[in-house]
C-alpha atoms as a PDB file:
ATOM      1  CA  MET A   1     -19.424  -1.967 -10.158  1.00  0.00           C
ATOM      2  CA  ALA A   2     -15.954  -2.662 -11.558  1.00  0.00           C
ATOM      3  CA  GLY A   3     -14.159  -2.206  -8.220  1.00  0.00           C
ATOM      4  CA  ASN A   4     -11.915   0.690  -9.211  1.00  0.00           C
ATOM      5  CA  THR A   5     -13.398   3.242  -6.773  1.00  0.00           C
ATOM      6  CA  PHE A   6     -12.757   3.394  -3.027  1.00  0.00           C
ATOM      7  CA  GLY A   7     -14.368   5.468  -0.255  1.00  0.00           C
ATOM      8  CA  GLN A   8     -17.794   6.876   0.609  1.00  0.00           C
ATOM      9  CA  VAL A   9     -17.190  10.630   0.967  1.00  0.00           C
ATOM     10  CA  PHE A  10     -13.527  10.961  -0.007  1.00  0.00           C
ATOM     11  CA  LYS A  11     -13.804   8.889  -3.197  1.00  0.00           C
ATOM     12  CA  VAL A  12     -10.775   7.674  -5.097  1.00  0.00           C
ATOM     13  CA  THR A  13     -10.841   6.109  -8.573  1.00  0.00           C
ATOM     14  CA  THR A  14      -7.584   4.840 -10.085  1.00  0.00           C
ATOM     15  CA  TRP A  15      -6.963   3.912 -13.724  1.00  0.00           C
ATOM     16  CA  GLY A  16      -4.141   2.749 -15.984  1.00  0.00           C
ATOM     17  CA  GLU A  17      -1.879  -0.251 -16.587  1.00  0.00           C
ATOM     18  CA  SER A  18       1.768  -1.111 -15.975  1.00  0.00           C
ATOM     19  CA  HIS A  19       2.846  -0.772 -19.611  1.00  0.00           C
ATOM     20  CA  GLY A  20       0.100   1.567 -20.789  1.00  0.00           C
ATOM     21  CA  LYS A  21       0.589   5.206 -21.709  1.00  0.00           C
ATOM     22  CA  ALA A  22      -0.152   6.531 -18.234  1.00  0.00           C
ATOM     23  CA  LEU A  23      -1.640   5.942 -14.799  1.00  0.00           C
ATOM     24  CA  GLY A  24      -3.981   8.268 -13.009  1.00  0.00           C
ATOM     25  CA  VAL A  25      -6.420   8.920 -10.213  1.00  0.00           C
ATOM     26  CA  ILE A  26      -9.524  11.026  -9.650  1.00  0.00           C
ATOM     27  CA  ILE A  27     -10.309  12.206  -6.110  1.00  0.00           C
ATOM     28  CA  ASP A  28     -13.858  13.406  -5.496  1.00  0.00           C
ATOM     29  CA  GLY A  29     -14.960  14.834  -2.156  1.00  0.00           C
ATOM     30  CA  CYS A  30     -11.768  16.593  -1.127  1.00  0.00           C
ATOM     31  CA  PRO A  31     -12.601  19.633   1.024  1.00  0.00           C
ATOM     32  CA  PRO A  32     -11.969  23.089  -0.492  1.00  0.00           C
ATOM     33  CA  ASN A  33      -9.333  25.629   0.581  1.00  0.00           C
ATOM     34  CA  LEU A  34      -6.521  23.140   1.167  1.00  0.00           C
ATOM     35  CA  PRO A  35      -3.127  24.277  -0.117  1.00  0.00           C
ATOM     36  CA  LEU A  36      -2.135  21.753  -2.812  1.00  0.00           C
ATOM     37  CA  SER A  37       0.554  21.713  -5.492  1.00  0.00           C
ATOM     38  CA  GLU A  38       2.368  19.080  -7.536  1.00  0.00           C
ATOM     39  CA  PRO A  39       5.429  19.090  -5.202  1.00  0.00           C
ATOM     40  CA  ASP A  40       3.144  18.094  -2.302  1.00  0.00           C
ATOM     41  CA  ILE A  41       2.173  14.935  -4.201  1.00  0.00           C
ATOM     42  CA  GLN A  42       5.611  14.326  -5.713  1.00  0.00           C
ATOM     43  CA  GLU A  43       7.151  14.008  -2.263  1.00  0.00           C
ATOM     44  CA  ASP A  44       5.193  10.832  -1.554  1.00  0.00           C
ATOM     45  CA  LEU A  45       5.621   9.430  -5.067  1.00  0.00           C
ATOM     46  CA  ASP A  46       9.386   9.793  -4.749  1.00  0.00           C
ATOM     47  CA  ARG A  47       9.311   7.601  -1.620  1.00  0.00           C
ATOM     48  CA  ARG A  48       7.589   4.851  -3.619  1.00  0.00           C
ATOM     49  CA  ARG A  49      10.044   4.952  -6.554  1.00  0.00           C
ATOM     50  CA  PRO A  50      12.792   2.298  -6.691  1.00  0.00           C
ATOM     51  CA  LYS A  51      16.061   3.731  -5.457  1.00  0.00           C
ATOM     52  CA  SER A  52      19.123   2.068  -3.992  1.00  0.00           C
ATOM     53  CA  ALA A  53      17.418  -0.885  -2.320  1.00  0.00           C
ATOM     54  CA  PRO A  54      18.745  -4.168  -3.766  1.00  0.00           C
ATOM     55  CA  SER A  55      15.202  -5.525  -3.488  1.00  0.00           C
ATOM     56  CA  SER A  56      13.881  -3.049  -6.088  1.00  0.00           C
ATOM     57  CA  THR A  57      13.352  -3.310  -9.844  1.00  0.00           C
ATOM     58  CA  PRO A  58      15.830  -1.811 -12.335  1.00  0.00           C
ATOM     59  CA  ARG A  59      12.867  -0.099 -14.031  1.00  0.00           C
ATOM     60  CA  ARG A  60      13.349   3.623 -13.501  1.00  0.00           C
ATOM     61  CA  GLU A  61      10.111   5.537 -13.832  1.00  0.00           C
ATOM     62  CA  PRO A  62      10.302   9.250 -12.921  1.00  0.00           C
ATOM     63  CA  ASP A  63       6.686   9.129 -11.668  1.00  0.00           C
ATOM     64  CA  GLN A  64       6.325  12.825 -12.401  1.00  0.00           C
ATOM     65  CA  VAL A  65       2.781  13.792 -11.441  1.00  0.00           C
ATOM     66  CA  GLU A  66       0.674  16.368 -13.270  1.00  0.00           C
ATOM     67  CA  LEU A  67      -2.239  18.050 -11.495  1.00  0.00           C
ATOM     68  CA  LEU A  68      -4.979  18.473 -14.094  1.00  0.00           C
ATOM     69  CA  SER A  69      -7.980  19.776 -12.162  1.00  0.00           C
ATOM     70  CA  GLY A  70      -9.502  20.617  -8.802  1.00  0.00           C
ATOM     71  CA  THR A  71      -7.274  23.512  -7.747  1.00  0.00           C
ATOM     72  CA  PHE A  72      -7.201  27.262  -8.294  1.00  0.00           C
ATOM     73  CA  GLN A  73      -4.397  29.576  -7.228  1.00  0.00           C
ATOM     74  CA  GLY A  74      -2.770  26.754  -5.275  1.00  0.00           C
ATOM     75  CA  MET A  75      -5.885  25.791  -3.302  1.00  0.00           C
ATOM     76  CA  THR A  76      -8.367  22.936  -3.651  1.00  0.00           C
ATOM     77  CA  THR A  77     -11.776  24.056  -4.896  1.00  0.00           C
ATOM     78  CA  GLY A  78     -13.928  21.169  -3.679  1.00  0.00           C
ATOM     79  CA  THR A  79     -14.328  19.875  -7.248  1.00  0.00           C
ATOM     80  CA  PRO A  80     -12.846  16.581  -8.516  1.00  0.00           C
ATOM     81  CA  ILE A  81      -9.050  16.475  -8.486  1.00  0.00           C
ATOM     82  CA  SER A  82      -7.489  14.659 -11.440  1.00  0.00           C
ATOM     83  CA  LEU A  83      -3.858  13.492 -11.501  1.00  0.00           C
ATOM     84  CA  ILE A  84      -1.859  11.805 -14.257  1.00  0.00           C
ATOM     85  CA  ILE A  85       1.500   9.996 -14.180  1.00  0.00           C
ATOM     86  CA  TYR A  86       2.985   9.098 -17.567  1.00  0.00           C
ATOM     87  CA  ASN A  87       4.879   5.821 -17.991  1.00  0.00           C
ATOM     88  CA  LYS A  88       8.315   6.645 -19.431  1.00  0.00           C
ATOM     89  CA  ASP A  89      10.520   3.549 -18.971  1.00  0.00           C
ATOM     90  CA  ILE A  90       8.465   0.835 -20.697  1.00  0.00           C
ATOM     91  CA  ASP A  91      10.155  -2.303 -22.055  1.00  0.00           C
ATOM     92  CA  SER A  92       7.685  -5.071 -22.902  1.00  0.00           C
ATOM     93  CA  LYS A  93      10.056  -7.343 -24.873  1.00  0.00           C
ATOM     94  CA  SER A  94      10.571  -9.865 -22.082  1.00  0.00           C
ATOM     95  CA  TYR A  95       6.806 -10.498 -21.882  1.00  0.00           C
ATOM     96  CA  GLU A  96       6.399 -11.469 -25.539  1.00  0.00           C
ATOM     97  CA  THR A  97       7.905 -14.927 -25.009  1.00  0.00           C
ATOM     98  CA  ILE A  98       5.562 -15.733 -22.119  1.00  0.00           C
ATOM     99  CA  LYS A  99       2.404 -13.955 -23.243  1.00  0.00           C
ATOM    100  CA  ASP A 100       0.529 -17.259 -23.616  1.00  0.00           C
ATOM    101  CA  VAL A 101       1.808 -18.743 -20.343  1.00  0.00           C
ATOM    102  CA  PHE A 102       0.306 -18.153 -16.912  1.00  0.00           C
ATOM    103  CA  ARG A 103       2.857 -16.988 -14.340  1.00  0.00           C
ATOM    104  CA  PRO A 104       2.463 -18.764 -10.959  1.00  0.00           C
ATOM    105  CA  GLY A 105       1.378 -16.372  -8.204  1.00  0.00           C
ATOM    106  CA  HIS A 106       0.162 -13.706 -10.639  1.00  0.00           C
ATOM    107  CA  GLY A 107      -3.312 -12.717 -11.756  1.00  0.00           C
ATOM    108  CA  ASP A 108      -2.723 -13.966 -15.311  1.00  0.00           C
ATOM    109  CA  PHE A 109      -4.950 -17.030 -14.889  1.00  0.00           C
ATOM    110  CA  THR A 110      -7.762 -15.272 -13.001  1.00  0.00           C
ATOM    111  CA  TYR A 111      -7.876 -12.195 -15.253  1.00  0.00           C
ATOM    112  CA  GLN A 112      -8.093 -14.467 -18.298  1.00  0.00           C
ATOM    113  CA  LYS A 113     -10.945 -16.417 -16.703  1.00  0.00           C
ATOM    114  CA  LYS A 114     -12.818 -13.273 -15.648  1.00  0.00           C
ATOM    115  CA  TYR A 115     -12.503 -11.141 -18.795  1.00  0.00           C
ATOM    116  CA  GLY A 116     -11.425 -13.543 -21.550  1.00  0.00           C
ATOM    117  CA  ILE A 117      -8.619 -11.092 -22.328  1.00  0.00           C
ATOM    118  CA  ARG A 118      -5.675  -9.669 -20.397  1.00  0.00           C
ATOM    119  CA  ASP A 119      -2.816  -7.234 -20.792  1.00  0.00           C
ATOM    120  CA  TYR A 120       0.169  -9.562 -20.378  1.00  0.00           C
ATOM    121  CA  ARG A 121       2.700  -6.695 -20.315  1.00  0.00           C
ATOM    122  CA  GLY A 122       3.871  -6.417 -16.737  1.00  0.00           C
ATOM    123  CA  GLY A 123       0.580  -7.642 -15.350  1.00  0.00           C
ATOM    124  CA  GLY A 124      -1.482  -4.797 -16.784  1.00  0.00           C
ATOM    125  CA  ARG A 125      -3.989  -3.516 -14.262  1.00  0.00           C
ATOM    126  CA  ALA A 126      -2.923  -6.150 -11.710  1.00  0.00           C
ATOM    127  CA  SER A 127       0.618  -4.768 -11.601  1.00  0.00           C
ATOM    128  CA  GLY A 128       2.060  -3.127  -8.526  1.00  0.00           C
ATOM    129  CA  ARG A 129       2.594  -0.126 -10.767  1.00  0.00           C
ATOM    130  CA  GLU A 130      -1.090   0.723 -10.214  1.00  0.00           C
ATOM    131  CA  THR A 131      -0.214   1.690  -6.649  1.00  0.00           C
ATOM    132  CA  ALA A 132       1.497   4.892  -7.811  1.00  0.00           C
ATOM    133  CA  ALA A 133      -1.998   6.324  -8.280  1.00  0.00           C
ATOM    134  CA  ARG A 134      -2.952   5.307  -4.731  1.00  0.00           C
ATOM    135  CA  VAL A 135       0.124   7.015  -3.307  1.00  0.00           C
ATOM    136  CA  ALA A 136      -0.767  10.198  -5.197  1.00  0.00           C
ATOM    137  CA  ALA A 137      -4.272  10.111  -3.697  1.00  0.00           C
ATOM    138  CA  GLY A 138      -2.810   9.412  -0.268  1.00  0.00           C
ATOM    139  CA  ALA A 139      -0.668  12.537  -0.555  1.00  0.00           C
ATOM    140  CA  ILE A 140      -3.841  14.607  -0.916  1.00  0.00           C
ATOM    141  CA  ALA A 141      -5.398  12.792   2.050  1.00  0.00           C
ATOM    142  CA  ARG A 142      -2.294  13.741   4.019  1.00  0.00           C
ATOM    143  CA  LYS A 143      -3.110  17.418   3.470  1.00  0.00           C
ATOM    144  CA  VAL A 144      -6.463  16.874   5.201  1.00  0.00           C
ATOM    145  CA  LEU A 145      -4.852  14.939   8.052  1.00  0.00           C
ATOM    146  CA  ASP A 146      -2.183  17.607   8.555  1.00  0.00           C
ATOM    147  CA  GLN A 147      -4.932  20.094   9.414  1.00  0.00           C
ATOM    148  CA  GLU A 148      -6.151  17.704  12.113  1.00  0.00           C
ATOM    149  CA  GLU A 149      -2.605  16.953  13.328  1.00  0.00           C
ATOM    150  CA  ILE A 150      -3.027  13.256  12.520  1.00  0.00           C
ATOM    151  CA  LEU A 151       0.224  11.515  11.592  1.00  0.00           C
ATOM    152  CA  VAL A 152       0.299   8.250   9.621  1.00  0.00           C
ATOM    153  CA  ARG A 153       3.655   6.495   9.229  1.00  0.00           C
ATOM    154  CA  ALA A 154       4.416   3.079   7.799  1.00  0.00           C
ATOM    155  CA  TYR A 155       7.681   1.160   8.016  1.00  0.00           C
ATOM    156  CA  THR A 156       9.232  -2.232   7.369  1.00  0.00           C
ATOM    157  CA  LEU A 157       8.829  -4.289  10.513  1.00  0.00           C
ATOM    158  CA  GLU A 158      10.164  -7.473   8.921  1.00  0.00           C
ATOM    159  CA  LEU A 159      11.798  -8.450   5.615  1.00  0.00           C
ATOM    160  CA  ALA A 160      12.941 -11.898   4.501  1.00  0.00           C
ATOM    161  CA  GLY A 161      12.776 -13.193   8.072  1.00  0.00           C
ATOM    162  CA  VAL A 162      14.763 -10.292   9.575  1.00  0.00           C
ATOM    163  CA  ARG A 163      12.647  -8.349  12.087  1.00  0.00           C
ATOM    164  CA  ALA A 164      13.190  -4.880  13.535  1.00  0.00           C
ATOM    165  CA  GLU A 165      13.842  -5.033  17.264  1.00  0.00           C
ATOM    166  CA  ARG A 166      13.038  -1.382  17.895  1.00  0.00           C
ATOM    167  CA  VAL A 167      10.823   1.289  16.325  1.00  0.00           C
ATOM    168  CA  ASP A 168      12.506   4.651  15.802  1.00  0.00           C
ATOM    169  CA  LEU A 169      10.453   6.791  13.410  1.00  0.00           C
ATOM    170  CA  ASP A 170      13.413   9.130  12.899  1.00  0.00           C
ATOM    171  CA  VAL A 171      15.494   6.515  11.046  1.00  0.00           C
ATOM    172  CA  ILE A 172      12.842   5.218   8.633  1.00  0.00           C
ATOM    173  CA  ASP A 173      14.014   7.424   5.764  1.00  0.00           C
ATOM    174  CA  LYS A 174      17.685   6.883   6.569  1.00  0.00           C
ATOM    175  CA  ASN A 175      17.914   3.361   5.142  1.00  0.00           C
ATOM    176  CA  PRO A 176      16.847   1.845   1.799  1.00  0.00           C
ATOM    177  CA  PHE A 177      14.347  -0.552   3.374  1.00  0.00           C
ATOM    178  CA  LEU A 178      12.385   2.092   5.325  1.00  0.00           C
ATOM    179  CA  ALA A 179      12.999   0.096   8.486  1.00  0.00           C
ATOM    180  CA  PRO A 180      12.680   1.710  11.951  1.00  0.00           C
ATOM    181  CA  ASP A 181      15.841  -0.090  13.109  1.00  0.00           C
ATOM    182  CA  LEU A 182      19.165   0.639  11.372  1.00  0.00           C
ATOM    183  CA  ASN A 183      20.830  -2.502  12.689  1.00  0.00           C
ATOM    184  CA  ALA A 184      18.007  -4.667  11.318  1.00  0.00           C
ATOM    185  CA  ALA A 185      18.208  -2.800   7.995  1.00  0.00           C
ATOM    186  CA  GLY A 186      21.814  -3.938   7.608  1.00  0.00           C
ATOM    187  CA  HIS A 187      20.825  -7.573   8.137  1.00  0.00           C
ATOM    188  CA  MET A 188      17.905  -7.149   5.722  1.00  0.00           C
ATOM    189  CA  GLN A 189      20.316  -6.072   3.016  1.00  0.00           C
ATOM    190  CA  GLU A 190      22.536  -9.101   3.591  1.00  0.00           C
ATOM    191  CA  ARG A 191      19.559 -11.454   3.382  1.00  0.00           C
ATOM    192  CA  ILE A 192      18.130  -9.822   0.244  1.00  0.00           C
ATOM    193  CA  ASN A 193      21.528 -10.077  -1.478  1.00  0.00           C
ATOM    194  CA  GLU A 194      21.525 -13.821  -0.807  1.00  0.00           C
ATOM    195  CA  ILE A 195      17.989 -14.277  -2.130  1.00  0.00           C
ATOM    196  CA  LYS A 196      18.703 -12.195  -5.235  1.00  0.00           C
ATOM    197  CA  LYS A 197      21.666 -14.390  -6.158  1.00  0.00           C
ATOM    198  CA  SER A 198      19.467 -17.488  -5.870  1.00  0.00           C
ATOM    199  CA  GLY A 199      16.901 -16.098  -8.337  1.00  0.00           C
ATOM    200  CA  ASP A 200      14.134 -16.071  -5.732  1.00  0.00           C
ATOM    201  CA  SER A 201      12.068 -13.410  -3.934  1.00  0.00           C
ATOM    202  CA  ALA A 202      11.030 -12.530  -0.389  1.00  0.00           C
ATOM    203  CA  GLY A 203       8.118 -11.218   1.641  1.00  0.00           C
ATOM    204  CA  GLY A 204       7.806  -9.373   4.921  1.00  0.00           C
ATOM    205  CA  ILE A 205       5.626  -7.326   7.256  1.00  0.00           C
ATOM    206  CA  VAL A 206       4.747  -3.634   7.057  1.00  0.00           C
ATOM    207  CA  GLU A 207       3.478  -1.893  10.182  1.00  0.00           C
ATOM    208  CA  VAL A 208       1.390   1.287   9.983  1.00  0.00           C
ATOM    209  CA  LEU A 209       1.034   3.679  12.893  1.00  0.00           C
ATOM    210  CA  ALA A 210      -1.611   6.439  13.038  1.00  0.00           C
ATOM    211  CA  LYS A 211      -1.110   8.969  15.837  1.00  0.00           C
ATOM    212  CA  GLY A 212      -3.526  11.713  16.857  1.00  0.00           C
ATOM    213  CA  CYS A 213      -6.656  10.076  15.456  1.00  0.00           C
ATOM    214  CA  PRO A 214      -9.669  11.302  17.465  1.00  0.00           C
ATOM    215  CA  ALA A 215     -12.088   8.954  19.182  1.00  0.00           C
ATOM    216  CA  GLY A 216     -15.365   8.307  17.401  1.00  0.00           C
ATOM    217  CA  LEU A 217     -14.348   7.431  13.829  1.00  0.00           C
ATOM    218  CA  GLY A 218     -15.988   4.353  12.339  1.00  0.00           C
ATOM    219  CA  GLU A 219     -19.514   3.263  11.531  1.00  0.00           C
ATOM    220  CA  PRO A 220     -21.439   0.308  12.934  1.00  0.00           C
ATOM    221  CA  VAL A 221     -21.994  -2.378  11.808  1.00  0.00           C
ATOM    222  CA  PHE A 222     -20.468  -3.149   8.418  1.00  0.00           C
ATOM    223  CA  ASP A 223     -18.403   0.025   7.992  1.00  0.00           C
ATOM    224  CA  LYS A 224     -16.305  -0.440  11.100  1.00  0.00           C
ATOM    225  CA  LEU A 225     -13.036   1.495  10.997  1.00  0.00           C
ATOM    226  CA  ASP A 226     -10.971  -1.675  11.367  1.00  0.00           C
ATOM    227  CA  ALA A 227     -13.043  -3.447   8.707  1.00  0.00           C
ATOM    228  CA  ASP A 228     -12.459  -0.619   6.233  1.00  0.00           C
ATOM    229  CA  LEU A 229      -8.763  -0.466   7.103  1.00  0.00           C
ATOM    230  CA  ALA A 230      -8.440  -4.203   6.521  1.00  0.00           C
ATOM    231  CA  LYS A 231     -10.238  -3.961   3.175  1.00  0.00           C
ATOM    232  CA  ALA A 232      -8.129  -0.989   2.083  1.00  0.00           C
ATOM    233  CA  VAL A 233      -4.810  -2.626   2.858  1.00  0.00           C
ATOM    234  CA  MET A 234      -5.914  -6.040   1.587  1.00  0.00           C
ATOM    235  CA  SER A 235      -6.768  -4.395  -1.740  1.00  0.00           C
ATOM    236  CA  ILE A 236      -3.034  -3.936  -2.322  1.00  0.00           C
ATOM    237  CA  GLY A 237      -1.977  -6.805  -4.569  1.00  0.00           C
ATOM    238  CA  ALA A 238       0.901  -8.233  -2.519  1.00  0.00           C
ATOM    239  CA  VAL A 239      -0.904  -8.163   0.847  1.00  0.00           C
ATOM    240  CA  LYS A 240      -2.129 -11.559   2.097  1.00  0.00           C
ATOM    241  CA  ALA A 241      -3.156 -10.764   5.700  1.00  0.00           C
ATOM    242  CA  VAL A 242      -3.891  -7.797   7.966  1.00  0.00           C
ATOM    243  CA  GLU A 243      -3.935  -7.614  11.750  1.00  0.00           C
ATOM    244  CA  ILE A 244      -4.793  -4.729  14.056  1.00  0.00           C
ATOM    245  CA  GLY A 245      -3.458  -4.343  17.573  1.00  0.00           C
ATOM    246  CA  VAL A 246      -2.356  -7.714  18.911  1.00  0.00           C
ATOM    247  CA  GLY A 247      -4.089  -9.295  15.923  1.00  0.00           C
ATOM    248  CA  LEU A 248      -3.836 -13.077  15.717  1.00  0.00           C
ATOM    249  CA  ALA A 249      -2.189 -13.198  19.127  1.00  0.00           C
ATOM    250  CA  ALA A 250      -5.575 -12.290  20.653  1.00  0.00           C
ATOM    251  CA  ALA A 251      -6.711 -15.844  19.980  1.00  0.00           C
ATOM    252  CA  ARG A 252      -4.126 -17.134  22.459  1.00  0.00           C
ATOM    253  CA  LEU A 253      -4.758 -14.587  25.242  1.00  0.00           C
ATOM    254  CA  LEU A 254      -7.143 -14.641  28.195  1.00  0.00           C
ATOM    255  CA  GLY A 255      -9.665 -11.838  28.495  1.00  0.00           C
ATOM    256  CA  SER A 256      -7.696 -10.358  31.371  1.00  0.00           C
ATOM    257  CA  GLU A 257      -4.607 -10.339  29.160  1.00  0.00           C
ATOM    258  CA  CYS A 258      -6.301  -8.941  26.050  1.00  0.00           C
ATOM    259  CA  ASN A 259      -8.473  -6.162  27.509  1.00  0.00           C
ATOM    260  CA  ASP A 260      -7.114  -2.622  27.723  1.00  0.00           C
ATOM    261  CA  GLU A 261      -7.960  -1.360  31.194  1.00  0.00           C
ATOM    262  CA  ILE A 262      -9.212   2.232  31.411  1.00  0.00           C
ATOM    263  CA  THR A 263      -8.204   4.926  33.900  1.00  0.00           C
ATOM    264  CA  PRO A 264      -9.126   8.627  34.117  1.00  0.00           C
ATOM    265  CA  GLU A 265      -5.832   9.258  32.297  1.00  0.00           C
ATOM    266  CA  GLY A 266      -6.702   6.904  29.445  1.00  0.00           C
ATOM    267  CA  PHE A 267      -6.033   3.329  28.372  1.00  0.00           C
ATOM    268  CA  VAL A 268      -3.320   1.472  30.260  1.00  0.00           C
ATOM    269  CA  THR A 269      -2.353  -0.646  27.224  1.00  0.00           C
ATOM    270  CA  ASN A 270      -3.180  -0.652  23.510  1.00  0.00           C
ATOM    271  CA  ARG A 271      -3.790  -4.279  22.575  1.00  0.00           C
ATOM    272  CA  SER A 272      -6.896  -3.193  20.653  1.00  0.00           C
ATOM    273  CA  GLY A 273      -4.757  -1.178  18.248  1.00  0.00           C
ATOM    274  CA  GLY A 274      -6.750   1.992  18.881  1.00  0.00           C
ATOM    275  CA  ILE A 275     -10.127   0.595  17.785  1.00  0.00           C
ATOM    276  CA  LEU A 276     -13.015  -0.752  19.911  1.00  0.00           C
ATOM    277  CA  ALA A 277     -16.295  -2.031  18.439  1.00  0.00           C
ATOM    278  CA  GLY A 278     -15.121  -0.748  15.069  1.00  0.00           C
ATOM    279  CA  ILE A 279     -14.750   2.835  16.359  1.00  0.00           C
ATOM    280  CA  SER A 280     -11.495   4.659  17.117  1.00  0.00           C
ATOM    281  CA  ASN A 281     -10.848   5.173  20.831  1.00  0.00           C
ATOM    282  CA  GLY A 282      -8.320   8.010  20.562  1.00  0.00           C
ATOM    283  CA  ASP A 283      -5.277   5.811  21.087  1.00  0.00           C
ATOM    284  CA  ASP A 284      -2.672   5.061  18.420  1.00  0.00           C
ATOM    285  CA  ILE A 285      -3.998   2.923  15.574  1.00  0.00           C
ATOM    286  CA  VAL A 286      -1.580   0.074  14.885  1.00  0.00           C
ATOM    287  CA  LEU A 287      -1.942  -2.146  11.820  1.00  0.00           C
ATOM    288  CA  ARG A 288       0.324  -4.782  10.293  1.00  0.00           C
ATOM    289  CA  ALA A 289       0.209  -6.168   6.755  1.00  0.00           C
ATOM    290  CA  ALA A 290       1.753  -9.462   5.657  1.00  0.00           C
ATOM    291  CA  ILE A 291       3.420  -9.011   2.257  1.00  0.00           C
ATOM    292  CA  LYS A 292       3.880 -12.055   0.029  1.00  0.00           C
ATOM    293  CA  PRO A 293       7.070 -12.619  -1.990  1.00  0.00           C
ATOM    294  CA  ILE A 294       7.166 -11.174  -5.508  1.00  0.00           C
ATOM    295  CA  SER A 295       5.702 -13.763  -7.896  1.00  0.00           C
ATOM    296  CA  SER A 296       8.016 -13.111 -10.864  1.00  0.00           C
ATOM    297  CA  ILE A 297      11.131 -15.194 -10.159  1.00  0.00           C
ATOM    298  CA  GLU A 298      13.887 -16.663 -12.304  1.00  0.00           C
ATOM    299  CA  LYS A 299      13.632 -20.084 -10.688  1.00  0.00           C
ATOM    300  CA  GLU A 300      11.908 -22.527 -13.024  1.00  0.00           C
ATOM    301  CA  GLN A 301       8.340 -23.408 -12.034  1.00  0.00           C
ATOM    302  CA  ARG A 302       5.587 -25.597 -13.432  1.00  0.00           C
ATOM    303  CA  THR A 303       2.560 -23.938 -15.018  1.00  0.00           C
ATOM    304  CA  VAL A 304       0.150 -24.171 -17.980  1.00  0.00           C
ATOM    305  CA  ASP A 305      -0.437 -22.135 -21.120  1.00  0.00           C
ATOM    306  CA  ILE A 306      -3.716 -20.562 -22.269  1.00  0.00           C
ATOM    307  CA  ASN A 307      -4.721 -23.925 -23.737  1.00  0.00           C
ATOM    308  CA  MET A 308      -4.136 -25.587 -20.331  1.00  0.00           C
ATOM    309  CA  LYS A 309      -1.130 -27.506 -21.655  1.00  0.00           C
ATOM    310  CA  PRO A 310       1.587 -28.153 -19.062  1.00  0.00           C
ATOM    311  CA  THR A 311       4.847 -26.257 -19.396  1.00  0.00           C
ATOM    312  CA  THR A 312       7.512 -24.571 -17.279  1.00  0.00           C
ATOM    313  CA  ILE A 313       8.420 -20.917 -16.843  1.00  0.00           C
ATOM    314  CA  SER A 314      11.372 -18.830 -15.706  1.00  0.00           C
ATOM    315  CA  VAL A 315      10.404 -15.151 -15.562  1.00  0.00           C
ATOM    316  CA  LYS A 316      12.998 -12.725 -16.897  1.00  0.00           C
ATOM    317  CA  GLY A 317      12.825  -8.949 -17.043  1.00  0.00           C
ATOM    318  CA  ARG A 318      12.915  -6.130 -14.505  1.00  0.00           C
ATOM    319  CA  HIS A 319      11.296  -7.162 -11.240  1.00  0.00           C
ATOM    320  CA  ASP A 320      11.533  -6.362  -7.553  1.00  0.00           C
ATOM    321  CA  ILE A 321      12.991  -9.026  -5.277  1.00  0.00           C
ATOM    322  CA  SER A 322      10.463  -7.910  -2.689  1.00  0.00           C
ATOM    323  CA  ALA A 323       7.502  -5.531  -2.708  1.00  0.00           C
ATOM    324  CA  ILE A 324       9.194  -4.038   0.346  1.00  0.00           C
ATOM    325  CA  PRO A 325      10.186  -1.199   0.667  1.00  0.00           C
ATOM    326  CA  ARG A 326       8.151   0.242  -2.224  1.00  0.00           C
ATOM    327  CA  ILE A 327       4.881  -1.038  -0.756  1.00  0.00           C
ATOM    328  CA  VAL A 328       5.489   0.859   2.508  1.00  0.00           C
ATOM    329  CA  PRO A 329       4.178   4.251   1.244  1.00  0.00           C
ATOM    330  CA  VAL A 330       1.303   2.390  -0.442  1.00  0.00           C
ATOM    331  CA  CYS A 331       0.136   0.947   2.895  1.00  0.00           C
ATOM    332  CA  GLU A 332       0.565   4.387   4.408  1.00  0.00           C
ATOM    333  CA  ALA A 333      -1.566   5.932   1.660  1.00  0.00           C
ATOM    334  CA  MET A 334      -4.418   3.446   2.033  1.00  0.00           C
ATOM    335  CA  VAL A 335      -4.619   4.015   5.793  1.00  0.00           C
ATOM    336  CA  ARG A 336      -4.706   7.766   5.199  1.00  0.00           C
ATOM    337  CA  LEU A 337      -7.550   7.396   2.700  1.00  0.00           C
ATOM    338  CA  VAL A 338      -9.647   5.411   5.170  1.00  0.00           C
ATOM    339  CA  ILE A 339      -9.077   7.790   8.070  1.00  0.00           C
ATOM    340  CA  VAL A 340      -9.882  10.847   5.948  1.00  0.00           C
ATOM    341  CA  ASP A 341     -13.035   9.211   4.588  1.00  0.00           C
ATOM    342  CA  HIS A 342     -14.258   8.406   8.105  1.00  0.00           C
ATOM    343  CA  LEU A 343     -13.217  11.812   9.389  1.00  0.00           C
ATOM    344  CA  LEU A 344     -15.386  13.515   6.758  1.00  0.00           C
ATOM    345  CA  ARG A 345     -18.246  11.091   7.453  1.00  0.00           C
ATOM    346  CA  GLN A 346     -18.055  11.919  11.152  1.00  0.00           C
ATOM    347  CA  ARG A 347     -18.236  15.660  10.425  1.00  0.00           C
ATOM    348  CA  SER A 348     -21.603  15.101   8.761  1.00  0.00           C
ATOM    349  CA  ILE A 349     -23.187  13.794  11.974  1.00  0.00           C
ATOM    350  CA  VAL A 350     -21.533  15.931  14.663  1.00  0.00           C
END
């Protein structure tokens, strides 16, 4: 009931806090006889780690994963898989001075109201650090999808008002922002440098593309594929909106403009984003997530303390300027988890 578990068949439970001893995840329902080793998972975790992007935190966690259970002789056994990632680069000093002050945009106020206690160090459970566990689980989901030749790729479509004008999957890992357009990536860096100097933060848009997904995934009425995808991606802390296919633009189109006509060769267009009536139609699934700016900023803001007394705050410490690009593999992981869960659910009825 605590909201830490996701999925119906491929179940994922994450645990741990930003400045705690470790983070981890338990995956229950993974099929047996999948080749799986720590390097398979580490590959995805390394993409989430802060690197050379000027938008990323100076905190340098190795995010070295340890595989504790669920495999034998390099293969999954069908039993629960347990992973642990130890926190190594913890520095909580900067939080001591603001431990009794609610940071605007954070979950400090709401966690205090819900539980009557909160871990003020780095946001505790509400920290973006929790997403390392999701990425680890998504790496295991990728092993299932690889068998089905389903590819899920996410990339930075927009950052700080700079939007990619083309989508080239081959250049995503060739720039620090994981953008599909190298020219746009250069402009993103210029804009982020400006924002960093001002002590502020920035948001953007992540697009996720799933290719090779078969038709028929998704459950009527409340477990629609698009509904579960929206919930999965919205569960990421920095995400404030999700759209699939043409998304919000559908509200401004005529039916003749929005419908995807069908021919014997397939759909003429893909405004639906690969999903009709909550069920995949075999076309590419296209999803976009709106990412809010990082809440911890040096600019002084008004707030209150735990006694509801007015004060001001300027947040110091090691923080990202934007959740992008580190949130890109997180969005990718959550889409993988949903598709795998629905794929396994579909196998039970066909």
